[in-house]
Amino acid sequence: MPYPNNGIFNAQIDLDKEQAIDIEIINSQGLPISKASYNGQENYLLNFSLPLGTGVYLMKILTPTHFRTIGFIVQ
């Protein structure tokens, strides 16, 4: 899991080709907290500033060809 943060963090996503991505932040109860879509890049540097309470969260990253889930902690 990435280092704990306070809801303000960056995510760098490097793809093998230009693709659209969908990002979803999910809390420990499985409820979506934030959703966003981005288009037409191979490399993304995303800045997040989310009002999240202390806990464990998941970031779901979906492209047309791949899916990945990354956990992170908010202190």
Protein backbone atom coordinates (compact mmCIF):
# COMPACT_ATOMS: atom_id res chain seq x y z
CA MET A 1 0.00 0.00 0.00
CA PRO A 2 1.20 3.51 -0.67
CA TYR A 3 2.35 5.68 2.20
CA PRO A 4 -0.44 7.06 4.37
CA ASN A 5 -1.77 10.48 3.35
CA ASN A 6 -4.36 12.99 4.50
CA GLY A 7 -6.54 12.86 1.37
CA ILE A 8 -4.16 15.07 -0.61
CA PHE A 9 -1.96 12.98 -2.90
CA ASN A 10 -0.74 12.49 -6.48
CA ALA A 11 -1.09 9.40 -8.63
CA GLN A 12 1.11 8.77 -11.66
CA ILE A 13 -0.36 6.34 -14.15
CA ASP A 14 1.83 5.23 -17.07
CA LEU A 15 0.20 3.27 -19.87
CA ASP A 16 1.73 1.49 -22.85
CA LYS A 17 -0.31 3.63 -25.29
CA GLU A 18 -2.73 6.56 -25.29
CA GLN A 19 -5.98 5.46 -23.68
CA ALA A 20 -8.90 6.86 -21.76
CA ILE A 21 -9.03 5.97 -18.06
CA ASP A 22 -11.71 5.98 -15.39
CA ILE A 23 -10.71 6.47 -11.75
CA GLU A 24 -12.93 5.64 -8.79
CA ILE A 25 -12.13 6.09 -5.09
CA ILE A 26 -14.02 3.63 -2.86
CA ASN A 27 -14.29 3.57 0.94
CA SER A 28 -13.99 0.48 3.17
CA GLN A 29 -17.75 -0.14 2.93
CA GLY A 30 -17.49 -0.38 -0.85
CA LEU A 31 -19.19 2.96 -1.49
CA PRO A 32 -17.85 5.25 -4.23
CA ILE A 33 -16.42 8.52 -2.90
CA SER A 34 -15.14 10.07 -6.13
CA LYS A 35 -15.27 9.26 -9.85
CA ALA A 36 -13.44 10.88 -12.76
CA SER A 37 -12.68 10.14 -16.41
CA TYR A 38 -9.64 11.26 -18.42
CA ASN A 39 -8.95 10.97 -22.15
CA GLY A 40 -6.19 10.61 -24.68
CA GLN A 41 -2.90 10.36 -22.83
CA GLU A 42 -0.25 7.73 -22.33
CA ASN A 43 0.96 9.16 -19.01
CA TYR A 44 -1.24 10.77 -16.39
CA LEU A 45 -0.23 12.72 -13.29
CA LEU A 46 -3.41 13.16 -11.25
CA ASN A 47 -3.71 15.41 -8.22
CA PHE A 48 -6.26 14.48 -5.58
CA SER A 49 -7.55 16.65 -2.77
CA LEU A 50 -10.38 14.67 -1.20
CA PRO A 51 -12.19 15.25 2.11
CA LEU A 52 -11.62 11.69 3.36
CA GLY A 53 -11.89 10.49 6.92
CA THR A 54 -9.30 8.22 8.50
CA GLY A 55 -9.37 4.73 7.01
CA VAL A 56 -8.46 2.42 4.17
CA TYR A 57 -9.57 3.28 0.63
CA LEU A 58 -9.27 1.76 -2.82
CA MET A 59 -8.44 3.47 -6.09
CA LYS A 60 -9.89 1.60 -9.07
CA ILE A 61 -8.20 2.35 -12.39
CA LEU A 62 -10.00 1.15 -15.51
CA THR A 63 -8.81 1.41 -19.12
CA PRO A 64 -10.47 -0.19 -22.15
CA THR A 65 -8.01 -3.11 -21.84
CA HIS A 66 -6.95 -3.30 -18.16
CA PHE A 67 -8.22 -2.96 -14.61
CA ARG A 68 -6.22 -2.33 -11.43
CA THR A 69 -7.10 -1.65 -7.80
CA ILE A 70 -4.67 0.04 -5.42
CA GLY A 71 -5.24 0.41 -1.68
CA PHE A 72 -4.20 3.44 0.35
CA ILE A 73 -4.51 4.70 3.91
CA VAL A 74 -5.77 8.10 5.05
CA GLN A 75 -4.61 9.19 8.50
